[in-house]
Amino acid sequence: MANVILMNKHTAQHNHVIMVELTLDLIVSLAGDWADSSRASKQFREIIENEQTSTEEISAYLQEAINGTDDHHNRAIQDLVNNIGQRLGFRVDYGVYQGRSDTIGYDGHWVSAATETETHLIVETKKSTSFSIDLNQAGGYIDEFTDQRDISHEQVYGLYVIGEGNIETVAQTILGSQYREQMRVIRAEQLLNLLEIQQESTLRHEQVIDLLLPINAVNVGQLVELVQDVKFRDRDDGENGTNHNDNENNDEDESESGTNESDWGGPQVGANAIQGTTSRTELDGHDTATVAVFPSKTSGIGFLKENNAWGFVRISQDPEYAAIYISDDVQKVRYVARVQDIVPATEAQLAQTLESYTGDQAEFDETKKVVVFEPESLYELADPIEFETRVPYSLRYTELERFKQAKTTDDIL
């Protein structure tokens, strides 16, 4: 989230400032209703279009918007998706929140000049698949757009961006319709992942086009996940020289030797907070309790052991549980703990100085937070969740029931 400085007369006189996290609800509280051309909308777009606003902040806003239930949450999703389009290199026209007779009612219009003739995407955002999606509406926008602009239908595509839910149902609906050649669907999270891939690699804008508009594929999020997996594995292989085909043997060796965590080379300042092993079936809580899944390298296990906490992260929810996915040659959700508190990094009581957490361990960032676990609640899973095709590259949320029943990471991501 972006931060805003609030000052009143008293604090100004004493040179004190109060840093407030600028949430979507606070924007509405400060700027009024979120509507077309409203102050709230204009200010939010100014925030997310600022080059100082990081991808992580966009991700936090997106998660808040998806979790919200008010109209301004839906409208924020629309703006955030359009902003991600801009960051991916498209020329973007924001759409309208409510349909009007004097304009086409699409949520966004993205243009790319990377192709021989300009490619146009008519973008529709949906918070959830809980409600039926009318393909004729987006199809009508495409027809109206091509008629107004005198553009060939071959240059115009529809892109559904879904906040949450089963988008495979949407994909199957598209495949069975007259729009199967023109429409694509992707989850908002996957679109954001595509942006992160582009920022961290040499992925060119024309390659982004190829991923979003492939031939004979409708659910383009699957292609993004494939690129993620290849990139993630290549990065781990390059950094660690690991052979992923040796996972089973490595795990056996670690189990027999009892040194699966003791290889961490940092100073063992604090006591070992890992209490032993537990199975997922022993975890207490309501089926809908939130589990936050964090990624880590094996070197980050030392942070867990000496701090009974995880950091340094951006997090917008208050989960009941935290789970840790270990990458490298482990590739499993291997640890779980009950969350006691979430505190700013600068207020966390850690075994070492904040500045010492750099490099291999969780890297200190004063703008992020530390997730503190309940005492004696950190366990290694006797039944870890193994990698299949999907990896939590950043914080992901799931429900406790899904977490307890999962066979692979695909079941919780």
Protein backbone atom coordinates (compact mmCIF):
# COMPACT_ATOMS: atom_id res chain seq x y z
CA MET A 1 0.00 0.00 0.00
CA ALA A 2 1.08 3.57 -0.51
CA ASN A 3 1.70 5.65 2.60
CA VAL A 4 0.25 9.10 3.23
CA ILE A 5 1.40 11.65 5.80
CA LEU A 6 -1.38 13.04 7.99
CA MET A 7 -0.72 16.10 10.14
CA ASN A 8 -2.97 18.08 12.44
CA LYS A 9 -2.29 21.41 14.05
CA HIS A 10 -0.92 19.87 17.20
CA THR A 11 1.44 17.44 15.48
CA ALA A 12 2.64 20.09 13.01
CA GLN A 13 3.61 22.41 15.84
CA HIS A 14 5.70 19.68 17.41
CA ASN A 15 7.19 18.49 14.10
CA HIS A 16 5.53 15.08 14.37
CA VAL A 17 4.10 13.23 11.41
CA ILE A 18 1.79 10.24 11.29
CA MET A 19 2.32 7.70 8.51
CA VAL A 20 -0.98 6.10 7.48
CA GLU A 21 -1.38 3.19 5.08
CA LEU A 22 -3.54 4.50 2.22
CA THR A 23 -6.06 1.70 1.76
CA LEU A 24 -8.95 1.73 -0.70
CA ASP A 25 -11.42 2.32 2.12
CA LEU A 26 -9.36 5.28 3.37
CA ILE A 27 -9.28 6.80 -0.12
CA VAL A 28 -13.08 6.71 -0.22
CA SER A 29 -13.25 8.10 3.30
CA LEU A 30 -10.99 11.01 2.35
CA ALA A 31 -12.08 11.68 -1.22
CA GLY A 32 -15.75 10.65 -1.36
CA ASP A 33 -17.64 8.33 -3.69
CA TRP A 34 -15.67 6.32 -6.24
CA ALA A 35 -17.33 7.02 -9.57
CA ASP A 36 -16.45 8.04 -13.13
CA SER A 37 -14.38 11.26 -13.05
CA SER A 38 -14.70 11.43 -9.26
CA ARG A 39 -12.00 12.75 -6.97
CA ALA A 40 -11.45 9.28 -5.45
CA SER A 41 -10.96 7.69 -8.87
CA LYS A 42 -8.60 10.42 -10.09
CA GLN A 43 -6.49 10.28 -6.94
CA PHE A 44 -6.23 6.48 -7.04
CA ARG A 45 -5.13 6.51 -10.67
CA GLU A 46 -2.53 9.15 -9.85
CA ILE A 47 -1.19 6.89 -7.09
CA ILE A 48 -0.93 3.72 -9.14
CA GLU A 49 0.41 5.51 -12.23
CA ASN A 50 3.21 7.07 -10.18
CA GLU A 51 6.46 5.36 -11.16
CA GLN A 52 7.38 5.22 -7.46
CA THR A 53 4.45 2.87 -6.80
CA SER A 54 5.96 -0.61 -6.81
CA THR A 55 4.55 -3.80 -8.26
CA GLU A 56 4.28 -5.10 -4.69
CA GLU A 57 2.05 -2.16 -3.80
CA ILE A 58 -0.10 -2.83 -6.87
CA SER A 59 -0.35 -6.45 -5.70
CA ALA A 60 -1.43 -5.39 -2.19
CA TYR A 61 -4.12 -3.07 -3.59
CA LEU A 62 -5.31 -5.86 -5.90
CA GLN A 63 -5.62 -8.31 -3.01
CA GLU A 64 -7.52 -5.75 -0.94
CA ALA A 65 -9.88 -5.06 -3.85
CA ILE A 66 -10.55 -8.76 -4.49
CA ASN A 67 -11.26 -9.36 -0.80
CA GLY A 68 -13.58 -6.34 -0.53
CA THR A 69 -17.32 -6.32 -1.04
CA ASP A 70 -18.17 -2.69 -1.86
CA ASP A 71 -18.60 -1.00 -5.24
CA HIS A 72 -15.30 0.83 -4.89
CA HIS A 73 -13.48 -2.50 -4.56
CA ASN A 74 -14.87 -3.62 -7.93
CA ARG A 75 -13.92 -0.31 -9.49
CA ALA A 76 -10.42 -0.45 -8.04
CA ILE A 77 -9.92 -3.86 -9.69
CA GLN A 78 -10.83 -2.25 -13.02
CA ASP A 79 -8.27 0.54 -12.52
CA LEU A 80 -5.57 -1.82 -11.27
CA VAL A 81 -5.96 -4.18 -14.23
CA ASN A 82 -5.67 -1.23 -16.61
CA ASN A 83 -2.58 -0.05 -14.75
CA ILE A 84 -1.00 -3.49 -15.12
CA GLY A 85 -1.73 -3.23 -18.85
CA GLN A 86 0.14 0.08 -18.95
CA ARG A 87 3.09 -1.43 -17.12
CA LEU A 88 3.13 -4.30 -19.62
CA GLY A 89 3.67 -1.75 -22.40
CA PHE A 90 0.16 -1.21 -23.77
CA ARG A 91 -1.33 2.19 -24.50
CA VAL A 92 -4.37 2.13 -22.25
CA ASP A 93 -7.69 3.98 -22.24
CA TYR A 94 -9.56 3.54 -18.98
CA GLY A 95 -13.15 2.44 -19.48
CA VAL A 96 -16.23 3.53 -17.56
CA TYR A 97 -17.50 2.09 -14.30
CA GLN A 98 -21.15 2.43 -15.33
CA GLY A 99 -22.53 2.15 -18.82
CA ARG A 100 -23.57 5.31 -20.65
CA SER A 101 -25.34 5.83 -23.93
CA ASP A 102 -22.59 8.10 -25.28
CA THR A 103 -19.69 5.63 -24.93
CA ILE A 104 -18.83 1.95 -25.30
CA GLY A 105 -19.11 0.29 -21.92
CA TYR A 106 -15.86 -1.68 -21.84
CA ASP A 107 -13.65 -1.60 -18.74
CA GLY A 108 -10.48 -0.90 -20.68
CA HIS A 109 -9.04 -0.53 -24.17
CA TRP A 110 -5.42 -1.63 -24.64
CA VAL A 111 -3.47 -0.93 -27.81
CA SER A 112 -0.16 -2.42 -28.92
CA ALA A 113 1.88 -1.25 -31.88
CA ALA A 114 4.29 -4.18 -31.56
CA THR A 115 2.45 -6.12 -34.28
CA GLU A 116 2.36 -5.42 -38.02
CA THR A 117 -1.02 -3.78 -37.59
CA GLU A 118 -2.11 -2.38 -34.25
CA THR A 119 -3.60 -4.94 -31.90
CA HIS A 120 -6.54 -3.87 -29.74
CA LEU A 121 -7.71 -5.57 -26.55
CA ILE A 122 -11.18 -4.85 -25.21
CA VAL A 123 -10.76 -5.66 -21.52
CA GLU A 124 -13.51 -6.74 -19.15
CA THR A 125 -12.79 -7.22 -15.44
CA LYS A 126 -14.86 -9.41 -13.13
CA LYS A 127 -14.27 -9.67 -9.41
CA SER A 128 -15.47 -13.27 -9.26
CA THR A 129 -16.87 -16.12 -11.32
CA SER A 130 -19.65 -16.53 -8.76
CA PHE A 131 -21.99 -14.72 -11.12
CA SER A 132 -22.61 -15.74 -14.72
CA ILE A 133 -20.59 -13.94 -17.36
CA ASP A 134 -22.43 -12.75 -20.47
CA LEU A 135 -20.07 -13.16 -23.43
CA ASN A 136 -22.53 -11.28 -25.63
CA GLN A 137 -21.84 -8.11 -23.65
CA ALA A 138 -18.10 -8.14 -24.35
CA GLY A 139 -18.78 -9.39 -27.87
CA GLY A 140 -21.12 -6.45 -28.40
CA TYR A 141 -18.39 -4.06 -27.22
CA ILE A 142 -16.01 -5.56 -29.80
CA ASP A 143 -18.56 -5.20 -32.60
CA GLU A 144 -19.39 -1.63 -31.60
CA PHE A 145 -15.70 -0.75 -31.34
CA THR A 146 -14.79 -2.13 -34.76
CA ASP A 147 -17.75 -0.34 -36.36
CA GLN A 148 -16.88 3.01 -34.77
CA ARG A 149 -13.16 2.82 -35.55
CA ASP A 150 -13.50 1.08 -38.91
CA ILE A 151 -11.00 -1.55 -37.76
CA SER A 152 -10.84 -5.15 -38.90
CA HIS A 153 -12.17 -7.73 -36.46
CA GLU A 154 -8.85 -9.57 -36.87
CA GLN A 155 -7.11 -6.74 -34.99
CA VAL A 156 -9.46 -6.78 -31.99
CA TYR A 157 -9.61 -9.27 -29.13
CA GLY A 158 -11.55 -9.54 -25.90
CA LEU A 159 -9.71 -10.22 -22.65
CA TYR A 160 -11.54 -11.24 -19.47
CA VAL A 161 -9.54 -10.61 -16.30
CA ILE A 162 -11.03 -12.44 -13.30
CA GLY A 163 -10.31 -11.64 -9.66
CA GLU A 164 -11.13 -15.00 -8.11
CA GLY A 165 -12.95 -18.22 -8.85
CA ASN A 166 -12.72 -21.04 -11.36
CA ILE A 167 -11.83 -19.43 -14.66
CA GLU A 168 -11.76 -22.78 -16.43
CA THR A 169 -15.56 -22.57 -16.49
CA VAL A 170 -15.26 -19.23 -18.27
CA ALA A 171 -12.72 -20.70 -20.67
CA GLN A 172 -15.04 -23.59 -21.53
CA THR A 173 -17.92 -21.15 -22.09
CA ILE A 174 -15.76 -19.15 -24.50
CA LEU A 175 -14.65 -22.31 -26.33
CA GLY A 176 -18.28 -23.27 -26.87
CA SER A 177 -19.26 -19.84 -28.19
CA GLN A 178 -18.90 -17.87 -31.40
CA TYR A 179 -16.13 -15.84 -29.73
CA ARG A 180 -13.64 -18.68 -29.21
CA GLU A 181 -11.21 -17.16 -31.75
CA GLN A 182 -11.42 -13.67 -30.29
CA MET A 183 -11.67 -13.95 -26.51
CA ARG A 184 -9.14 -14.93 -23.87
CA VAL A 185 -9.35 -15.21 -20.07
CA ILE A 186 -6.79 -14.82 -17.29
CA ARG A 187 -6.86 -14.35 -13.53
CA ALA A 188 -5.78 -10.90 -12.30
CA GLU A 189 -3.07 -12.54 -10.20
CA GLN A 190 -1.68 -14.27 -13.29
CA LEU A 191 -1.65 -10.98 -15.19
CA LEU A 192 0.32 -9.46 -12.33
CA ASN A 193 2.68 -12.45 -12.41
CA LEU A 194 3.26 -11.78 -16.11
CA LEU A 195 4.28 -8.23 -15.22
CA GLU A 196 6.72 -9.54 -12.60
CA ILE A 197 8.21 -11.94 -15.16
CA GLN A 198 8.65 -9.07 -17.61
CA GLN A 199 10.31 -6.88 -14.98
CA GLU A 200 12.69 -9.59 -13.84
CA SER A 201 13.68 -10.92 -17.25
CA THR A 202 14.25 -9.89 -20.84
CA LEU A 203 10.66 -10.65 -21.86
CA ARG A 204 9.78 -8.20 -24.64
CA HIS A 205 6.40 -6.55 -25.17
CA GLU A 206 5.78 -8.52 -28.37
CA GLN A 207 6.32 -11.72 -26.35
CA VAL A 208 3.72 -10.47 -23.87
CA ILE A 209 1.33 -10.20 -26.83
CA ASP A 210 2.12 -13.78 -27.85
CA LEU A 211 1.34 -15.00 -24.33
CA LEU A 212 -1.93 -13.10 -24.03
CA LEU A 213 -3.16 -13.86 -27.53
CA PRO A 214 -1.96 -17.35 -28.47
CA ILE A 215 -3.46 -19.40 -31.25
CA ASN A 216 -5.80 -22.18 -30.07
CA ALA A 217 -5.68 -21.29 -26.37
CA VAL A 218 -8.31 -19.46 -24.34
CA ASN A 219 -7.10 -19.79 -20.72
CA VAL A 220 -3.89 -17.81 -21.22
CA GLY A 221 -3.14 -17.83 -17.49
CA GLN A 222 -1.92 -21.42 -17.90
CA LEU A 223 0.75 -20.21 -20.33
CA VAL A 224 1.87 -17.53 -17.88
CA GLU A 225 2.20 -20.15 -15.16
CA LEU A 226 4.26 -22.33 -17.50
CA VAL A 227 6.68 -19.46 -18.14
CA GLN A 228 6.82 -18.83 -14.37
CA ASP A 229 7.72 -22.42 -13.62
CA VAL A 230 10.47 -22.51 -16.24
CA LYS A 231 11.89 -19.20 -14.99
CA PHE A 232 11.70 -20.26 -11.34
CA ARG A 233 13.47 -23.56 -11.97
CA ASP A 234 16.14 -21.97 -14.15
CA ARG A 235 16.83 -19.39 -11.43
CA ASP A 236 17.13 -22.03 -8.73
CA ASP A 237 19.38 -24.19 -10.92
CA GLY A 238 21.60 -21.22 -11.68
CA GLU A 239 21.92 -20.16 -8.05
CA ASN A 240 22.21 -23.56 -6.42
CA GLY A 241 23.43 -25.92 -9.13
CA THR A 242 20.64 -28.30 -8.12
CA ASN A 243 19.25 -31.22 -10.04
CA HIS A 244 15.48 -31.34 -9.56
CA ASN A 245 15.38 -35.01 -10.50
CA ASP A 246 17.25 -35.79 -7.28
CA ASN A 247 14.57 -34.44 -4.93
CA GLU A 248 13.50 -37.81 -3.60
CA ASN A 249 17.03 -38.97 -2.82
CA ASN A 250 17.93 -35.64 -1.27
CA ASP A 251 14.93 -35.80 1.06
CA GLU A 252 15.85 -39.32 2.15
CA ASP A 253 19.43 -38.29 2.87
CA GLU A 254 18.26 -35.28 4.88
CA SER A 255 15.84 -37.40 6.90
CA GLU A 256 18.44 -40.01 7.74
CA SER A 257 21.17 -37.57 8.65
CA GLY A 258 18.94 -35.15 10.55
CA THR A 259 20.78 -32.20 8.97
CA ASN A 260 18.09 -30.81 6.72
CA GLU A 261 18.10 -27.46 8.55
CA SER A 262 21.49 -27.48 10.26
CA ASP A 263 23.26 -26.58 7.01
CA TRP A 264 22.17 -22.97 7.49
CA GLY A 265 25.41 -21.03 7.94
CA GLY A 266 24.22 -17.97 9.83
CA PRO A 267 24.69 -17.34 13.57
CA GLN A 268 22.29 -19.35 15.75
CA VAL A 269 21.41 -16.44 18.01
CA GLY A 270 17.97 -17.56 19.12
CA ALA A 271 16.63 -20.90 20.25
CA ASN A 272 15.21 -23.34 17.73
CA ALA A 273 11.51 -22.42 17.56
CA ILE A 274 10.58 -25.50 15.53
CA GLN A 275 8.71 -27.74 17.96
CA GLY A 276 8.97 -30.96 16.01
CA THR A 277 6.56 -32.39 13.46
CA THR A 278 2.81 -32.34 13.07
CA SER A 279 0.35 -33.47 10.45
CA ARG A 280 -2.01 -31.11 8.69
CA THR A 281 -5.01 -33.02 10.02
CA GLU A 282 -4.04 -31.89 13.54
CA LEU A 283 -4.40 -28.19 12.70
CA ASP A 284 -7.31 -26.61 14.54
CA GLY A 285 -9.63 -23.98 13.16
CA HIS A 286 -12.66 -23.34 10.99
CA ASP A 287 -12.54 -24.78 7.48
CA THR A 288 -12.60 -21.25 6.06
CA ALA A 289 -9.73 -20.01 8.25
CA THR A 290 -7.12 -18.20 6.17
CA VAL A 291 -3.68 -19.72 5.60
CA ALA A 292 -1.01 -17.39 4.22
CA VAL A 293 1.55 -19.28 2.11
CA PHE A 294 4.98 -17.65 1.90
CA PRO A 295 7.87 -18.71 -0.35
CA SER A 296 11.38 -19.14 1.02
CA LYS A 297 14.74 -20.59 0.10
CA THR A 298 16.30 -23.15 2.43
CA SER A 299 18.55 -20.41 3.77
CA GLY A 300 15.49 -18.66 5.18
CA ILE A 301 14.81 -21.54 7.57
CA GLY A 302 17.32 -19.97 9.95
CA PHE A 303 15.09 -16.89 10.25
CA LEU A 304 12.16 -19.12 11.23
CA LYS A 305 14.20 -21.04 13.79
CA GLU A 306 15.69 -18.10 15.65
CA ASN A 307 12.74 -15.71 15.48
CA ASN A 308 9.57 -17.83 15.55
CA ALA A 309 8.39 -15.44 12.84
CA TRP A 310 8.56 -14.70 9.13
CA GLY A 311 9.59 -11.47 7.43
CA PHE A 312 9.87 -9.18 5.65
CA VAL A 313 6.60 -9.04 3.73
CA ARG A 314 3.73 -6.92 2.51
CA ILE A 315 0.50 -8.41 3.82
CA SER A 316 -3.03 -7.01 3.81
CA GLN A 317 -4.90 -9.77 5.68
CA ASP A 318 -4.80 -11.24 9.19
CA PRO A 319 -4.45 -14.98 8.56
CA GLU A 320 -4.90 -17.59 11.26
CA TYR A 321 -2.01 -19.67 9.95
CA ALA A 322 1.23 -19.08 8.08
CA ALA A 323 2.79 -21.79 5.93
CA ILE A 324 6.25 -21.73 4.37
CA TYR A 325 7.03 -23.17 0.94
CA ILE A 326 10.72 -24.06 0.62
CA SER A 327 12.10 -23.83 -2.91
CA ASP A 328 15.59 -24.94 -3.99
CA ASP A 329 15.73 -28.75 -4.08
CA VAL A 330 13.01 -29.17 -1.43
CA GLN A 331 10.00 -27.80 -3.33
CA LYS A 332 7.44 -28.41 -0.59
CA VAL A 333 5.21 -26.49 1.79
CA ARG A 334 7.19 -27.69 4.78
CA TYR A 335 6.39 -25.53 7.81
CA VAL A 336 3.25 -24.19 9.46
CA ALA A 337 2.55 -21.97 12.47
CA ARG A 338 -0.30 -20.08 14.09
CA VAL A 339 -0.13 -16.32 13.58
CA GLN A 340 -0.09 -14.26 16.75
CA ASP A 341 0.54 -10.78 15.38
CA ILE A 342 1.69 -8.80 12.34
CA VAL A 343 3.96 -5.88 13.17
CA PRO A 344 5.97 -3.29 11.25
CA ALA A 345 9.52 -4.49 10.61
CA THR A 346 10.97 -1.65 12.65
CA GLU A 347 8.95 -2.76 15.70
CA ALA A 348 9.70 -6.48 15.50
CA GLN A 349 11.81 -8.08 18.22
CA LEU A 350 14.25 -10.27 16.35
CA ALA A 351 17.29 -12.30 17.36
CA GLN A 352 19.64 -10.15 15.28
CA THR A 353 19.76 -6.52 14.25
CA LEU A 354 17.45 -5.66 11.39
CA GLU A 355 20.33 -4.66 9.13
CA SER A 356 21.95 -8.08 9.54
CA TYR A 357 19.12 -9.73 7.65
CA THR A 358 20.40 -9.37 4.12
CA GLY A 359 21.43 -11.73 1.37
CA ASP A 360 20.47 -15.36 1.89
CA GLN A 361 17.98 -14.86 4.71
CA ALA A 362 14.73 -12.90 4.59
CA GLU A 363 15.95 -9.48 3.54
CA PHE A 364 15.12 -6.55 5.77
CA ASP A 365 12.95 -3.79 4.36
CA GLU A 366 11.75 -1.19 6.86
CA THR A 367 8.56 -0.59 4.86
CA LYS A 368 7.47 -4.22 5.24
CA LYS A 369 6.12 -6.29 8.12
CA VAL A 370 7.01 -9.28 10.24
CA VAL A 371 4.52 -12.09 10.86
CA VAL A 372 4.97 -13.20 14.47
CA PHE A 373 3.92 -16.75 15.39
CA GLU A 374 2.25 -17.93 18.57
CA PRO A 375 4.74 -19.44 21.04
CA GLU A 376 5.40 -23.15 20.46
CA SER A 377 3.21 -23.24 17.35
CA LEU A 378 5.88 -23.58 14.63
CA TYR A 379 6.09 -27.15 13.29
CA GLU A 380 7.59 -29.02 10.40
CA LEU A 381 4.88 -30.86 8.48
CA ALA A 382 4.98 -34.64 8.64
CA ASP A 383 2.88 -34.53 5.47
CA PRO A 384 4.35 -31.61 3.48
CA ILE A 385 2.56 -30.37 0.37
CA GLU A 386 4.70 -31.23 -2.62
CA PHE A 387 5.22 -29.15 -5.74
CA GLU A 388 3.36 -30.25 -8.86
CA THR A 389 3.07 -27.43 -11.40
CA ARG A 390 2.26 -24.28 -9.41
CA VAL A 391 4.64 -22.35 -7.15
CA PRO A 392 3.86 -19.53 -4.68
CA TYR A 393 6.31 -16.99 -6.07
CA SER A 394 4.94 -14.43 -3.62
CA LEU A 395 2.39 -14.41 -0.79
CA ARG A 396 -0.70 -16.45 -1.59
CA TYR A 397 -3.80 -17.22 0.49
CA THR A 398 -5.80 -20.40 0.83
CA GLU A 399 -8.40 -21.86 3.18
CA LEU A 400 -7.55 -24.25 6.02
CA GLU A 401 -9.77 -27.01 4.64
CA ARG A 402 -8.02 -26.89 1.26
CA PHE A 403 -4.64 -26.74 3.00
CA LYS A 404 -5.39 -29.83 5.09
CA GLN A 405 -6.71 -31.86 2.15
CA ALA A 406 -4.19 -30.76 -0.51
CA LYS A 407 -2.10 -33.39 -2.24
CA THR A 408 0.06 -30.93 -4.18
CA THR A 409 0.66 -27.18 -4.41
CA ASP A 410 -1.81 -27.08 -7.30
CA ASP A 411 -4.60 -27.75 -4.78
CA ILE A 412 -3.92 -24.61 -2.72
CA LEU A 413 -2.80 -22.04 -5.32
